[in-house]
Amino acid sequence: METLLKLYGELLPVMAFIPAGYLIARKFNFNSGYISKPLINVLLPLLVFTNMLDAEASKLVVLPILTFLLALGMNFAAKMIQNKLASETDPLLLRSSFSFFNVAFFGIPTVTALFGEDKVNVLICIYLGSALYGDTIGYFQIAKTKYPTGKALKEMLSIPFLYVFMAGIICKIAGLETPEFVKPVLNVVSFAVSAAGMMIVGFQLADVDFKHIKIPYFSKLLGFRTLAAVVILSVVAFAASFIAKDLEAEDYKMLALVPLFPIAANVTVFAAFLKADEEQSSILVFLSMLLSVVLVSIATFFLQ
């Protein structure tokens, strides 16, 4: 119970920014770019870069590969279920919803509560694989719906994360570490990243008509997504256990949380890019967030 209260103590203050974002968007003509641009271009890259410097080299290699394979495998799960269960959802939106997990915004407060702040750098290693997939294959697929191959590739290469990732690898090889005087500031940045991510979800919910949400449809969709992610990650992690001997029990526990995490908020950005199913994408992100609170709460009892 103490661990559960600690979890809610970390999650609920951050999730409070969802209704805050919703109310701001409903009352004012607020440009969400004022939040999303510094978040994507400054705060999140800073957090990723510094945590990469402090991560163990072996984990920086292995963990991103595992979550990259999870995201890739979820593509096939989405294709498999498209005609049987999700015919009302755009195929590209479905693949994005299945493949993109909210490891950063939702995961940071969760891991801080369950494993401590010093384990956030391990979570960032886990996040890297998911983000690398989303910012390469995932983004390229979406860009291809509007642009020719060359232009789509150019759009993909303009994403800041790719360069932060490469810079982090180079600096890690060079043996650089995060200066001690910077670390207290990073705790504030960590909270700001999660809070801003939740606020963006609130912005996106402002245009949703909650009266017409098809709860049974979305329940089946999100239920299958969770089960598929559990199965795929279990297979990938089991295979990795024979190869990656440096991973610890806590690393596998953190990996086990990933299938329980909600759909990443950038799915709504992609929906806006496509000009299709924008409301449905917001509903998927929000409902998956509520489901994740329940699932992570249950998982807490097994992870102690």
C-alpha atoms as a PDB file:
ATOM      1  CA  MET A   1       0.000   0.000   0.000  1.00  0.00           C
ATOM      2  CA  GLU A   2       2.868   2.368   0.799  1.00  0.00           C
ATOM      3  CA  THR A   3       4.334   1.823  -2.681  1.00  0.00           C
ATOM      4  CA  LEU A   4       0.927   2.420  -4.260  1.00  0.00           C
ATOM      5  CA  LEU A   5       0.520   5.697  -2.381  1.00  0.00           C
ATOM      6  CA  LYS A   6       3.987   6.705  -3.532  1.00  0.00           C
ATOM      7  CA  LEU A   7       2.995   5.885  -7.106  1.00  0.00           C
ATOM      8  CA  TYR A   8      -0.112   8.058  -6.894  1.00  0.00           C
ATOM      9  CA  GLY A   9       1.928  10.758  -5.191  1.00  0.00           C
ATOM     10  CA  GLU A  10       4.123  10.923  -8.298  1.00  0.00           C
ATOM     11  CA  LEU A  11       1.460  10.341 -10.961  1.00  0.00           C
ATOM     12  CA  LEU A  12      -1.509  12.398  -9.793  1.00  0.00           C
ATOM     13  CA  PRO A  13       0.262  15.799  -9.554  1.00  0.00           C
ATOM     14  CA  VAL A  14       1.493  15.275 -13.107  1.00  0.00           C
ATOM     15  CA  MET A  15      -1.859  14.012 -14.412  1.00  0.00           C
ATOM     16  CA  ALA A  16      -3.538  17.072 -12.895  1.00  0.00           C
ATOM     17  CA  PHE A  17      -2.120  18.958 -15.864  1.00  0.00           C
ATOM     18  CA  ILE A  18      -4.555  17.083 -18.159  1.00  0.00           C
ATOM     19  CA  PRO A  19      -7.672  18.902 -16.837  1.00  0.00           C
ATOM     20  CA  ALA A  20      -5.589  22.092 -16.611  1.00  0.00           C
ATOM     21  CA  GLY A  21      -4.755  21.823 -20.320  1.00  0.00           C
ATOM     22  CA  TYR A  22      -8.376  20.984 -21.120  1.00  0.00           C
ATOM     23  CA  LEU A  23      -9.719  24.050 -19.284  1.00  0.00           C
ATOM     24  CA  ILE A  24      -7.128  26.367 -20.818  1.00  0.00           C
ATOM     25  CA  ALA A  25      -7.962  25.128 -24.326  1.00  0.00           C
ATOM     26  CA  ARG A  26     -11.720  25.482 -23.718  1.00  0.00           C
ATOM     27  CA  LYS A  27     -11.553  29.001 -22.279  1.00  0.00           C
ATOM     28  CA  PHE A  28      -8.756  30.584 -24.299  1.00  0.00           C
ATOM     29  CA  ASN A  29      -7.537  30.457 -27.861  1.00  0.00           C
ATOM     30  CA  PHE A  30      -4.234  29.037 -26.671  1.00  0.00           C
ATOM     31  CA  ASN A  31      -1.623  27.874 -29.167  1.00  0.00           C
ATOM     32  CA  SER A  32      -0.384  24.487 -27.901  1.00  0.00           C
ATOM     33  CA  GLY A  33       2.838  25.075 -29.851  1.00  0.00           C
ATOM     34  CA  TYR A  34       3.963  27.326 -27.003  1.00  0.00           C
ATOM     35  CA  ILE A  35       4.161  24.144 -24.905  1.00  0.00           C
ATOM     36  CA  SER A  36       4.961  21.443 -27.439  1.00  0.00           C
ATOM     37  CA  LYS A  37       7.832  23.203 -29.251  1.00  0.00           C
ATOM     38  CA  PRO A  38      10.072  23.863 -26.218  1.00  0.00           C
ATOM     39  CA  LEU A  39       9.127  20.433 -24.884  1.00  0.00           C
ATOM     40  CA  ILE A  40      10.141  18.577 -28.051  1.00  0.00           C
ATOM     41  CA  ASN A  41      13.047  20.797 -29.067  1.00  0.00           C
ATOM     42  CA  VAL A  42      14.652  21.626 -25.699  1.00  0.00           C
ATOM     43  CA  LEU A  43      13.402  19.910 -22.517  1.00  0.00           C
ATOM     44  CA  LEU A  44      13.033  16.321 -23.717  1.00  0.00           C
ATOM     45  CA  PRO A  45      16.308  16.314 -25.721  1.00  0.00           C
ATOM     46  CA  LEU A  46      18.125  17.738 -22.660  1.00  0.00           C
ATOM     47  CA  LEU A  47      16.685  15.006 -20.438  1.00  0.00           C
ATOM     48  CA  VAL A  48      17.511  12.261 -22.949  1.00  0.00           C
ATOM     49  CA  PHE A  49      21.060  13.511 -23.534  1.00  0.00           C
ATOM     50  CA  THR A  50      22.041  13.829 -19.868  1.00  0.00           C
ATOM     51  CA  ASN A  51      20.526  10.468 -18.925  1.00  0.00           C
ATOM     52  CA  MET A  52      22.344   8.803 -21.815  1.00  0.00           C
ATOM     53  CA  LEU A  53      25.623  10.094 -20.376  1.00  0.00           C
ATOM     54  CA  ASP A  54      24.855   8.543 -16.984  1.00  0.00           C
ATOM     55  CA  ALA A  55      23.493   5.211 -18.259  1.00  0.00           C
ATOM     56  CA  GLU A  56      25.524   2.003 -18.231  1.00  0.00           C
ATOM     57  CA  ALA A  57      26.985   1.397 -21.682  1.00  0.00           C
ATOM     58  CA  SER A  58      25.649  -2.171 -21.937  1.00  0.00           C
ATOM     59  CA  LYS A  59      22.102  -1.030 -21.117  1.00  0.00           C
ATOM     60  CA  LEU A  60      22.396   1.823 -23.578  1.00  0.00           C
ATOM     61  CA  VAL A  61      22.973  -0.794 -26.271  1.00  0.00           C
ATOM     62  CA  VAL A  62      20.561  -3.563 -25.276  1.00  0.00           C
ATOM     63  CA  LEU A  63      17.446  -1.848 -23.877  1.00  0.00           C
ATOM     64  CA  PRO A  64      16.766   0.422 -26.896  1.00  0.00           C
ATOM     65  CA  ILE A  65      16.996  -2.604 -29.205  1.00  0.00           C
ATOM     66  CA  LEU A  66      14.352  -4.447 -27.169  1.00  0.00           C
ATOM     67  CA  THR A  67      11.831  -1.580 -27.224  1.00  0.00           C
ATOM     68  CA  PHE A  68      12.567  -0.877 -30.898  1.00  0.00           C
ATOM     69  CA  LEU A  69      11.672  -4.517 -31.651  1.00  0.00           C
ATOM     70  CA  LEU A  70       8.527  -4.175 -29.515  1.00  0.00           C
ATOM     71  CA  ALA A  71       7.388  -1.118 -31.498  1.00  0.00           C
ATOM     72  CA  LEU A  72       8.156  -2.887 -34.776  1.00  0.00           C
ATOM     73  CA  GLY A  73       6.274  -6.007 -33.706  1.00  0.00           C
ATOM     74  CA  MET A  74       3.226  -3.974 -32.682  1.00  0.00           C
ATOM     75  CA  ASN A  75       2.889  -2.897 -36.314  1.00  0.00           C
ATOM     76  CA  PHE A  76       2.115  -6.482 -37.254  1.00  0.00           C
ATOM     77  CA  ALA A  77      -0.296  -6.836 -34.319  1.00  0.00           C
ATOM     78  CA  ALA A  78      -2.187  -3.755 -35.582  1.00  0.00           C
ATOM     79  CA  LYS A  79      -2.352  -5.145 -39.110  1.00  0.00           C
ATOM     80  CA  MET A  80      -3.608  -8.473 -37.796  1.00  0.00           C
ATOM     81  CA  ILE A  81      -6.492  -6.911 -35.874  1.00  0.00           C
ATOM     82  CA  GLN A  82      -7.420  -4.146 -38.351  1.00  0.00           C
ATOM     83  CA  ASN A  83     -10.207  -5.946 -40.214  1.00  0.00           C
ATOM     84  CA  LYS A  84     -11.421  -8.097 -37.314  1.00  0.00           C
ATOM     85  CA  LEU A  85     -11.733  -5.476 -34.599  1.00  0.00           C
ATOM     86  CA  ALA A  86     -10.605  -2.002 -35.647  1.00  0.00           C
ATOM     87  CA  SER A  87     -12.272  -1.342 -38.993  1.00  0.00           C
ATOM     88  CA  GLU A  88     -13.468   2.081 -37.742  1.00  0.00           C
ATOM     89  CA  THR A  89      -9.907   3.313 -37.192  1.00  0.00           C
ATOM     90  CA  ASP A  90      -7.553   4.585 -39.876  1.00  0.00           C
ATOM     91  CA  PRO A  91      -4.879   1.857 -40.484  1.00  0.00           C
ATOM     92  CA  LEU A  92      -1.996   4.285 -40.068  1.00  0.00           C
ATOM     93  CA  LEU A  93      -3.468   5.759 -36.882  1.00  0.00           C
ATOM     94  CA  LEU A  94      -3.964   2.220 -35.555  1.00  0.00           C
ATOM     95  CA  ARG A  95      -0.339   1.248 -36.230  1.00  0.00           C
ATOM     96  CA  SER A  96       0.884   4.438 -34.541  1.00  0.00           C
ATOM     97  CA  SER A  97      -1.412   3.869 -31.551  1.00  0.00           C
ATOM     98  CA  PHE A  98      -0.105   0.337 -31.147  1.00  0.00           C
ATOM     99  CA  SER A  99       3.588   1.151 -31.637  1.00  0.00           C
ATOM    100  CA  PHE A 100       4.038   4.409 -29.689  1.00  0.00           C
ATOM    101  CA  PHE A 101       4.199   4.025 -25.901  1.00  0.00           C
ATOM    102  CA  ASN A 102       4.250   6.979 -23.498  1.00  0.00           C
ATOM    103  CA  VAL A 103       7.517   5.890 -21.894  1.00  0.00           C
ATOM    104  CA  ALA A 104       8.792   9.408 -21.163  1.00  0.00           C
ATOM    105  CA  PHE A 105       5.836  11.485 -19.912  1.00  0.00           C
ATOM    106  CA  PHE A 106       3.992   8.691 -18.059  1.00  0.00           C
ATOM    107  CA  GLY A 107       7.000   6.487 -17.355  1.00  0.00           C
ATOM    108  CA  ILE A 108       9.188   8.999 -15.508  1.00  0.00           C
ATOM    109  CA  PRO A 109       6.843   9.549 -12.523  1.00  0.00           C
ATOM    110  CA  THR A 110       6.002   5.821 -12.475  1.00  0.00           C
ATOM    111  CA  VAL A 111       9.632   4.669 -12.380  1.00  0.00           C
ATOM    112  CA  THR A 112      10.557   7.418  -9.895  1.00  0.00           C
ATOM    113  CA  ALA A 113       7.880   6.131  -7.512  1.00  0.00           C
ATOM    114  CA  LEU A 114       8.589   2.412  -7.920  1.00  0.00           C
ATOM    115  CA  PHE A 115      12.378   2.325  -8.369  1.00  0.00           C
ATOM    116  CA  GLY A 116      13.747   5.750  -7.383  1.00  0.00           C
ATOM    117  CA  GLU A 117      15.041   8.798  -9.253  1.00  0.00           C
ATOM    118  CA  ASP A 118      18.410   7.156  -9.883  1.00  0.00           C
ATOM    119  CA  LYS A 119      16.706   4.639 -12.197  1.00  0.00           C
ATOM    120  CA  VAL A 120      15.350   7.268 -14.600  1.00  0.00           C
ATOM    121  CA  ASN A 121      18.471   6.888 -16.757  1.00  0.00           C
ATOM    122  CA  VAL A 122      17.545   3.198 -17.250  1.00  0.00           C
ATOM    123  CA  LEU A 123      14.048   4.260 -18.272  1.00  0.00           C
ATOM    124  CA  ILE A 124      15.559   6.696 -20.795  1.00  0.00           C
ATOM    125  CA  CYS A 125      17.467   3.749 -22.327  1.00  0.00           C
ATOM    126  CA  ILE A 126      14.118   1.944 -22.625  1.00  0.00           C
ATOM    127  CA  TYR A 127      12.542   5.083 -24.081  1.00  0.00           C
ATOM    128  CA  LEU A 128      15.262   5.464 -26.720  1.00  0.00           C
ATOM    129  CA  GLY A 129      14.189   2.385 -28.689  1.00  0.00           C
ATOM    130  CA  SER A 130      10.546   3.438 -28.747  1.00  0.00           C
ATOM    131  CA  ALA A 131      11.428   7.022 -29.708  1.00  0.00           C
ATOM    132  CA  LEU A 132      13.934   5.891 -32.323  1.00  0.00           C
ATOM    133  CA  TYR A 133      11.249   3.789 -33.991  1.00  0.00           C
ATOM    134  CA  GLY A 134       8.671   6.582 -33.831  1.00  0.00           C
ATOM    135  CA  ASP A 135      11.041   9.233 -35.166  1.00  0.00           C
ATOM    136  CA  THR A 136      12.343   7.088 -38.029  1.00  0.00           C
ATOM    137  CA  ILE A 137      10.102   4.325 -39.430  1.00  0.00           C
ATOM    138  CA  GLY A 138       6.944   5.651 -37.753  1.00  0.00           C
ATOM    139  CA  TYR A 139       7.353   9.250 -38.869  1.00  0.00           C
ATOM    140  CA  PHE A 140       8.534   8.252 -42.356  1.00  0.00           C
ATOM    141  CA  GLN A 141       5.415   6.104 -42.883  1.00  0.00           C
ATOM    142  CA  ILE A 142       3.202   9.042 -41.982  1.00  0.00           C
ATOM    143  CA  ALA A 143       5.153  11.577 -44.030  1.00  0.00           C
ATOM    144  CA  LYS A 144       4.897   9.255 -47.034  1.00  0.00           C
ATOM    145  CA  THR A 145       1.104   9.707 -47.042  1.00  0.00           C
ATOM    146  CA  LYS A 146       1.578  13.345 -48.055  1.00  0.00           C
ATOM    147  CA  TYR A 147       5.044  13.646 -49.568  1.00  0.00           C
ATOM    148  CA  PRO A 148       7.189  11.784 -52.126  1.00  0.00           C
ATOM    149  CA  THR A 149       9.920   9.524 -50.688  1.00  0.00           C
ATOM    150  CA  GLY A 150      12.691  12.147 -50.873  1.00  0.00           C
ATOM    151  CA  LYS A 151      10.654  14.820 -49.119  1.00  0.00           C
ATOM    152  CA  ALA A 152       9.407  12.325 -46.495  1.00  0.00           C
ATOM    153  CA  LEU A 153      13.008  11.339 -45.744  1.00  0.00           C
ATOM    154  CA  LYS A 154      13.996  15.005 -45.459  1.00  0.00           C
ATOM    155  CA  GLU A 155      11.140  15.613 -42.999  1.00  0.00           C
ATOM    156  CA  MET A 156      12.284  12.644 -40.920  1.00  0.00           C
ATOM    157  CA  LEU A 157      15.882  13.886 -40.832  1.00  0.00           C
ATOM    158  CA  SER A 158      14.729  17.264 -39.471  1.00  0.00           C
ATOM    159  CA  ILE A 159      13.619  15.725 -36.156  1.00  0.00           C
ATOM    160  CA  PRO A 160      15.882  16.933 -33.256  1.00  0.00           C
ATOM    161  CA  PHE A 161      15.778  13.589 -31.420  1.00  0.00           C
ATOM    162  CA  LEU A 162      17.924  11.851 -34.054  1.00  0.00           C
ATOM    163  CA  TYR A 163      20.778  14.313 -33.549  1.00  0.00           C
ATOM    164  CA  VAL A 164      20.471  14.253 -29.770  1.00  0.00           C
ATOM    165  CA  PHE A 165      20.649  10.460 -29.907  1.00  0.00           C
ATOM    166  CA  MET A 166      23.812  10.524 -32.066  1.00  0.00           C
ATOM    167  CA  ALA A 167      25.404  13.225 -29.891  1.00  0.00           C
ATOM    168  CA  GLY A 168      24.657  11.183 -26.777  1.00  0.00           C
ATOM    169  CA  ILE A 169      26.318   8.091 -28.266  1.00  0.00           C
ATOM    170  CA  ILE A 170      29.416  10.079 -29.303  1.00  0.00           C
ATOM    171  CA  CYS A 171      29.725  11.761 -25.878  1.00  0.00           C
ATOM    172  CA  LYS A 172      29.209   8.435 -24.117  1.00  0.00           C
ATOM    173  CA  ILE A 173      32.030   6.866 -26.145  1.00  0.00           C
ATOM    174  CA  ALA A 174      34.189   9.876 -25.258  1.00  0.00           C
ATOM    175  CA  GLY A 175      33.536   9.163 -21.569  1.00  0.00           C
ATOM    176  CA  LEU A 176      31.683  12.374 -20.733  1.00  0.00           C
ATOM    177  CA  GLU A 177      29.339  12.464 -17.729  1.00  0.00           C
ATOM    178  CA  THR A 178      26.656  14.884 -16.546  1.00  0.00           C
ATOM    179  CA  PRO A 179      28.220  17.502 -14.212  1.00  0.00           C
ATOM    180  CA  GLU A 180      27.003  17.166 -10.617  1.00  0.00           C
ATOM    181  CA  PHE A 181      25.851  20.799 -10.403  1.00  0.00           C
ATOM    182  CA  VAL A 182      23.420  20.196 -13.295  1.00  0.00           C
ATOM    183  CA  LYS A 183      21.646  17.196 -11.745  1.00  0.00           C
ATOM    184  CA  PRO A 184      19.326  19.140  -9.346  1.00  0.00           C
ATOM    185  CA  VAL A 185      18.100  21.157 -12.323  1.00  0.00           C
ATOM    186  CA  LEU A 186      17.373  17.934 -14.212  1.00  0.00           C
ATOM    187  CA  ASN A 187      14.899  16.868 -11.501  1.00  0.00           C
ATOM    188  CA  VAL A 188      12.897  20.001 -12.298  1.00  0.00           C
ATOM    189  CA  VAL A 189      13.252  19.347 -16.039  1.00  0.00           C
ATOM    190  CA  SER A 190      12.030  15.771 -15.506  1.00  0.00           C
ATOM    191  CA  PHE A 191       8.838  16.992 -13.815  1.00  0.00           C
ATOM    192  CA  ALA A 192       8.360  19.720 -16.446  1.00  0.00           C
ATOM    193  CA  VAL A 193       8.620  17.159 -19.261  1.00  0.00           C
ATOM    194  CA  SER A 194       5.927  14.938 -17.744  1.00  0.00           C
ATOM    195  CA  ALA A 195       3.669  17.872 -16.808  1.00  0.00           C
ATOM    196  CA  ALA A 196       3.929  19.445 -20.277  1.00  0.00           C
ATOM    197  CA  GLY A 197       3.197  16.111 -21.930  1.00  0.00           C
ATOM    198  CA  MET A 198       0.036  15.692 -19.851  1.00  0.00           C
ATOM    199  CA  MET A 199      -1.042  19.280 -20.538  1.00  0.00           C
ATOM    200  CA  ILE A 200      -0.827  18.617 -24.278  1.00  0.00           C
ATOM    201  CA  VAL A 201      -3.181  15.649 -23.819  1.00  0.00           C
ATOM    202  CA  GLY A 202      -5.601  18.058 -22.125  1.00  0.00           C
ATOM    203  CA  PHE A 203      -5.350  20.502 -25.029  1.00  0.00           C
ATOM    204  CA  GLN A 204      -6.195  17.725 -27.458  1.00  0.00           C
ATOM    205  CA  LEU A 205      -9.257  16.658 -25.455  1.00  0.00           C
ATOM    206  CA  ALA A 206     -10.862  20.085 -25.712  1.00  0.00           C
ATOM    207  CA  ASP A 207     -12.664  19.233 -28.966  1.00  0.00           C
ATOM    208  CA  VAL A 208     -13.763  15.721 -27.953  1.00  0.00           C
ATOM    209  CA  ASP A 209     -17.475  14.994 -27.565  1.00  0.00           C
ATOM    210  CA  PHE A 210     -17.425  12.673 -24.554  1.00  0.00           C
ATOM    211  CA  LYS A 211     -21.105  11.745 -24.971  1.00  0.00           C
ATOM    212  CA  HIS A 212     -20.408   9.832 -28.169  1.00  0.00           C
ATOM    213  CA  ILE A 213     -17.349   7.841 -27.082  1.00  0.00           C
ATOM    214  CA  LYS A 214     -17.802   4.161 -28.007  1.00  0.00           C
ATOM    215  CA  ILE A 215     -16.524   2.620 -24.790  1.00  0.00           C
ATOM    216  CA  PRO A 216     -16.948  -1.079 -25.849  1.00  0.00           C
ATOM    217  CA  TYR A 217     -15.076  -0.476 -29.129  1.00  0.00           C
ATOM    218  CA  PHE A 218     -12.145   1.330 -27.515  1.00  0.00           C
ATOM    219  CA  SER A 219     -12.038  -1.157 -24.625  1.00  0.00           C
ATOM    220  CA  LYS A 220     -11.543  -4.075 -27.011  1.00  0.00           C
ATOM    221  CA  LEU A 221      -8.971  -2.142 -28.999  1.00  0.00           C
ATOM    222  CA  LEU A 222      -6.901  -1.109 -25.975  1.00  0.00           C
ATOM    223  CA  GLY A 223      -7.284  -4.534 -24.367  1.00  0.00           C
ATOM    224  CA  PHE A 224      -5.870  -6.241 -27.458  1.00  0.00           C
ATOM    225  CA  ARG A 225      -3.071  -3.656 -27.674  1.00  0.00           C
ATOM    226  CA  THR A 226      -2.007  -4.399 -24.096  1.00  0.00           C
ATOM    227  CA  LEU A 227      -2.104  -8.182 -24.527  1.00  0.00           C
ATOM    228  CA  ALA A 228      -0.206  -8.028 -27.824  1.00  0.00           C
ATOM    229  CA  ALA A 229       2.484  -5.821 -26.264  1.00  0.00           C
ATOM    230  CA  VAL A 230       2.848  -8.176 -23.280  1.00  0.00           C
ATOM    231  CA  VAL A 231       3.280 -11.193 -25.574  1.00  0.00           C
ATOM    232  CA  ILE A 232       5.725  -9.496 -27.967  1.00  0.00           C
ATOM    233  CA  LEU A 233       7.866  -7.981 -25.200  1.00  0.00           C
ATOM    234  CA  SER A 234       7.907 -11.289 -23.301  1.00  0.00           C
ATOM    235  CA  VAL A 235       9.288 -13.073 -26.361  1.00  0.00           C
ATOM    236  CA  VAL A 236      11.856 -10.339 -27.040  1.00  0.00           C
ATOM    237  CA  ALA A 237      12.972 -10.114 -23.383  1.00  0.00           C
ATOM    238  CA  PHE A 238      13.172 -13.923 -23.051  1.00  0.00           C
ATOM    239  CA  ALA A 239      15.447 -14.089 -26.098  1.00  0.00           C
ATOM    240  CA  ALA A 240      17.542 -11.196 -24.751  1.00  0.00           C
ATOM    241  CA  SER A 241      18.036 -12.968 -21.392  1.00  0.00           C
ATOM    242  CA  PHE A 242      20.253 -15.541 -23.128  1.00  0.00           C
ATOM    243  CA  ILE A 243      22.367 -12.865 -24.814  1.00  0.00           C
ATOM    244  CA  ALA A 244      22.412  -9.776 -22.571  1.00  0.00           C
ATOM    245  CA  LYS A 245      23.906 -10.980 -19.292  1.00  0.00           C
ATOM    246  CA  ASP A 246      24.345  -7.464 -17.854  1.00  0.00           C
ATOM    247  CA  LEU A 247      20.626  -6.752 -17.440  1.00  0.00           C
ATOM    248  CA  GLU A 248      19.406  -6.851 -13.835  1.00  0.00           C
ATOM    249  CA  ALA A 249      16.084  -7.957 -12.365  1.00  0.00           C
ATOM    250  CA  GLU A 250      14.971  -4.312 -11.999  1.00  0.00           C
ATOM    251  CA  ASP A 251      15.686  -3.703 -15.683  1.00  0.00           C
ATOM    252  CA  TYR A 252      13.307  -6.497 -16.633  1.00  0.00           C
ATOM    253  CA  LYS A 253      10.705  -5.154 -14.200  1.00  0.00           C
ATOM    254  CA  MET A 254      10.888  -1.730 -15.858  1.00  0.00           C
ATOM    255  CA  LEU A 255      10.607  -3.367 -19.273  1.00  0.00           C
ATOM    256  CA  ALA A 256       7.537  -5.257 -18.051  1.00  0.00           C
ATOM    257  CA  LEU A 257       5.820  -1.927 -17.372  1.00  0.00           C
ATOM    258  CA  VAL A 258       6.150  -0.705 -20.975  1.00  0.00           C
ATOM    259  CA  PRO A 259       3.158  -2.686 -22.379  1.00  0.00           C
ATOM    260  CA  LEU A 260       1.052  -1.134 -19.603  1.00  0.00           C
ATOM    261  CA  PHE A 261       1.995   2.430 -20.530  1.00  0.00           C
ATOM    262  CA  PRO A 262      -0.513   4.562 -22.485  1.00  0.00           C
ATOM    263  CA  ILE A 263      -0.396   5.566 -26.124  1.00  0.00           C
ATOM    264  CA  ALA A 264       2.085   8.376 -26.705  1.00  0.00           C
ATOM    265  CA  ALA A 265       0.580  11.837 -27.141  1.00  0.00           C
ATOM    266  CA  ASN A 266       2.439  12.363 -30.425  1.00  0.00           C
ATOM    267  CA  VAL A 267      -0.121  10.049 -32.066  1.00  0.00           C
ATOM    268  CA  THR A 268      -2.506  13.016 -32.004  1.00  0.00           C
ATOM    269  CA  VAL A 269       0.161  15.139 -33.685  1.00  0.00           C
ATOM    270  CA  PHE A 270       0.374  12.565 -36.460  1.00  0.00           C
ATOM    271  CA  ALA A 271      -3.420  12.491 -36.742  1.00  0.00           C
ATOM    272  CA  ALA A 272      -3.410  16.267 -37.172  1.00  0.00           C
ATOM    273  CA  PHE A 273      -0.732  15.872 -39.820  1.00  0.00           C
ATOM    274  CA  LEU A 274      -2.982  13.427 -41.688  1.00  0.00           C
ATOM    275  CA  LYS A 275      -6.092  15.572 -41.098  1.00  0.00           C
ATOM    276  CA  ALA A 276      -7.899  12.348 -40.190  1.00  0.00           C
ATOM    277  CA  ASP A 277      -9.434  10.900 -37.001  1.00  0.00           C
ATOM    278  CA  GLU A 278      -8.071  13.701 -34.811  1.00  0.00           C
ATOM    279  CA  GLU A 279     -10.849  13.272 -32.244  1.00  0.00           C
ATOM    280  CA  GLN A 280     -10.460   9.499 -32.175  1.00  0.00           C
ATOM    281  CA  SER A 281      -6.718   9.802 -31.600  1.00  0.00           C
ATOM    282  CA  SER A 282      -7.339  12.078 -28.597  1.00  0.00           C
ATOM    283  CA  ILE A 283      -9.851   9.601 -27.185  1.00  0.00           C
ATOM    284  CA  LEU A 284      -7.406   6.710 -27.631  1.00  0.00           C
ATOM    285  CA  VAL A 285      -4.619   8.582 -25.833  1.00  0.00           C
ATOM    286  CA  PHE A 286      -6.877   9.641 -22.957  1.00  0.00           C
ATOM    287  CA  LEU A 287      -8.587   6.270 -22.404  1.00  0.00           C
ATOM    288  CA  SER A 288      -5.261   4.449 -22.594  1.00  0.00           C
ATOM    289  CA  MET A 289      -3.991   6.831 -19.907  1.00  0.00           C
ATOM    290  CA  LEU A 290      -6.861   5.891 -17.575  1.00  0.00           C
ATOM    291  CA  LEU A 291      -6.333   2.188 -18.314  1.00  0.00           C
ATOM    292  CA  SER A 292      -2.615   2.542 -17.586  1.00  0.00           C
ATOM    293  CA  VAL A 293      -3.241   3.980 -14.132  1.00  0.00           C
ATOM    294  CA  VAL A 294      -5.284   0.871 -13.307  1.00  0.00           C
ATOM    295  CA  LEU A 295      -2.834  -1.594 -14.874  1.00  0.00           C
ATOM    296  CA  VAL A 296       0.277  -0.022 -13.328  1.00  0.00           C
ATOM    297  CA  SER A 297      -1.479   0.013  -9.936  1.00  0.00           C
ATOM    298  CA  ILE A 298      -2.133  -3.733 -10.224  1.00  0.00           C
ATOM    299  CA  ALA A 299       1.417  -4.378 -11.475  1.00  0.00           C
ATOM    300  CA  THR A 300       2.797  -2.566  -8.412  1.00  0.00           C
ATOM    301  CA  PHE A 301       1.787  -5.489  -6.191  1.00  0.00           C
ATOM    302  CA  PHE A 302       3.715  -7.934  -8.380  1.00  0.00           C
ATOM    303  CA  LEU A 303       6.811  -5.750  -8.750  1.00  0.00           C
ATOM    304  CA  GLN A 304       7.469  -5.201  -5.052  1.00  0.00           C
END
